[in-house]
Amino acid sequence: MRVPLQITFRRMDTSPALETRIRQRAEELEQYCDRITACHVTVEAQHRRHQQGNLFRVSIDLAVPGDEITASSGRDPDHAHENAHVAVRDAFDALRRRLEDHMRTARVAKGVHREGR
């Protein structure tokens, strides 16, 4: 990654364990695609006042040459996302699928471009 991974926590305290997990998942993406230029992960507690039942939303913005790929843990209330680690997992899983689609499309476009010569 050309730009260091950025992690933002909103309406919640910073979590070293969660930050470590986010860094691990970002490294996994880099092993899959070496063209990632930047990655920004935002972990947000939906309601700061709740002690229990608080939902977390994780959004990820990933930059690759010529494109930006985004994913999130979902907008709909999902009680599995009362655990921030589950929300991180779901967001990175969604991002991985989108990155795979992007790379597949880029390979096809590159092949079509070569055939057009």
Protein backbone atom coordinates (compact mmCIF):
# COMPACT_ATOMS: atom_id res chain seq x y z
CA MET A 1 0.00 0.00 0.00
CA ARG A 2 1.43 3.34 -0.96
CA VAL A 3 -0.53 5.24 1.68
CA PRO A 4 -0.57 3.71 5.18
CA LEU A 5 -3.78 2.07 6.34
CA GLN A 6 -6.08 4.58 8.03
CA ILE A 7 -8.44 3.46 10.80
CA THR A 8 -11.07 5.77 12.25
CA PHE A 9 -13.26 5.04 15.28
CA ARG A 10 -16.43 7.12 15.60
CA ARG A 11 -18.69 7.40 18.64
CA MET A 12 -16.63 4.75 20.43
CA ASP A 13 -13.32 4.26 22.18
CA THR A 14 -10.34 3.05 20.21
CA SER A 15 -9.90 -0.72 20.46
CA PRO A 16 -6.35 -2.12 20.09
CA ALA A 17 -7.71 -5.64 19.48
CA LEU A 18 -10.07 -4.40 16.78
CA GLU A 19 -7.31 -2.31 15.21
CA THR A 20 -5.04 -5.37 15.11
CA ARG A 21 -7.76 -7.43 13.40
CA ILE A 22 -8.37 -4.68 10.83
CA ARG A 23 -4.64 -4.55 10.06
CA GLN A 24 -4.57 -8.34 9.59
CA ARG A 25 -7.52 -8.27 7.20
CA ALA A 26 -5.96 -5.39 5.21
CA GLU A 27 -2.71 -7.35 4.90
CA GLU A 28 -4.68 -10.33 3.57
CA LEU A 29 -6.14 -8.06 0.87
CA GLU A 30 -2.64 -6.87 -0.06
CA GLN A 31 -1.50 -10.46 -0.50
CA TYR A 32 -4.44 -11.02 -2.83
CA CYS A 33 -4.01 -7.76 -4.78
CA ASP A 34 -0.68 -5.94 -4.79
CA ARG A 35 -2.10 -2.90 -6.60
CA ILE A 36 -3.88 -1.41 -3.57
CA THR A 37 -2.75 2.19 -3.12
CA ALA A 38 -4.79 3.20 -0.04
CA CYS A 39 -7.28 1.83 2.45
CA HIS A 40 -9.44 3.70 4.97
CA VAL A 41 -11.55 1.76 7.49
CA THR A 42 -14.19 3.48 9.62
CA VAL A 43 -15.71 1.67 12.61
CA GLU A 44 -18.75 3.48 13.95
CA ALA A 45 -21.01 2.80 16.90
CA GLN A 46 -24.53 3.62 15.78
CA HIS A 47 -25.73 4.88 19.19
CA ARG A 48 -23.16 6.02 21.72
CA ARG A 49 -25.55 6.01 24.69
CA HIS A 50 -26.35 2.30 24.60
CA GLN A 51 -24.39 0.03 26.91
CA GLN A 52 -25.87 -3.12 25.36
CA GLY A 53 -27.46 -3.69 22.00
CA ASN A 54 -25.30 -1.08 20.30
CA LEU A 55 -24.87 -1.79 16.58
CA PHE A 56 -21.60 -1.20 14.76
CA ARG A 57 -21.16 -0.21 11.16
CA VAL A 58 -17.86 -0.68 9.37
CA SER A 59 -17.15 0.98 6.05
CA ILE A 60 -14.04 0.48 3.94
CA ASP A 61 -12.74 2.63 1.10
CA LEU A 62 -10.05 0.95 -0.97
CA ALA A 63 -8.12 2.67 -3.75
CA VAL A 64 -6.61 0.81 -6.68
CA PRO A 65 -5.18 2.42 -9.82
CA GLY A 66 -8.04 4.05 -11.69
CA ASP A 67 -10.80 3.04 -9.30
CA GLU A 68 -12.14 3.11 -5.76
CA ILE A 69 -13.87 0.13 -4.21
CA THR A 70 -16.12 0.53 -1.19
CA ALA A 71 -17.92 -1.88 1.08
CA SER A 72 -19.64 -1.80 4.44
CA SER A 73 -21.04 -4.15 7.02
CA GLY A 74 -24.53 -3.15 5.87
CA ARG A 75 -27.06 -0.44 6.48
CA ASP A 76 -29.85 -2.68 7.71
CA PRO A 77 -29.89 -3.41 11.45
CA ASP A 78 -28.22 -6.79 11.97
CA HIS A 79 -27.98 -7.89 15.57
CA ALA A 80 -24.85 -9.86 14.73
CA HIS A 81 -23.27 -6.42 14.36
CA GLU A 82 -23.65 -5.82 18.08
CA ASN A 83 -20.12 -7.24 18.01
CA ALA A 84 -17.68 -4.89 16.26
CA HIS A 85 -15.47 -7.83 15.24
CA VAL A 86 -18.37 -9.42 13.35
CA ALA A 87 -19.08 -6.12 11.60
CA VAL A 88 -15.39 -5.91 10.58
CA ARG A 89 -15.48 -9.48 9.26
CA ASP A 90 -18.63 -8.82 7.21
CA ALA A 91 -17.28 -5.58 5.74
CA PHE A 92 -13.96 -7.14 4.73
CA ASP A 93 -15.74 -10.18 3.27
CA ALA A 94 -17.91 -7.87 1.16
CA LEU A 95 -14.86 -5.85 0.10
CA ARG A 96 -12.97 -9.00 -0.89
CA ARG A 97 -15.85 -10.05 -3.16
CA ARG A 98 -15.93 -6.60 -4.77
CA LEU A 99 -12.16 -6.60 -5.21
CA GLU A 100 -12.34 -10.04 -6.86
CA ASP A 101 -15.04 -8.72 -9.24
CA HIS A 102 -12.93 -5.65 -10.00
CA MET A 103 -9.85 -7.74 -10.76
CA ARG A 104 -11.83 -10.14 -12.92
CA THR A 105 -13.31 -7.24 -14.88
CA ALA A 106 -9.88 -5.61 -15.25
CA ARG A 107 -8.40 -8.86 -16.61
CA VAL A 108 -11.22 -9.22 -19.12
CA ALA A 109 -10.89 -5.59 -20.23
CA LYS A 110 -7.14 -6.01 -20.59
CA GLY A 111 -7.67 -9.13 -22.70
CA VAL A 112 -10.27 -7.41 -24.89
CA HIS A 113 -7.90 -4.49 -25.36
CA ARG A 114 -5.11 -6.82 -26.48
CA GLU A 115 -7.40 -8.61 -28.94
CA GLY A 116 -8.38 -5.27 -30.49
CA ARG A 117 -4.82 -4.61 -31.66
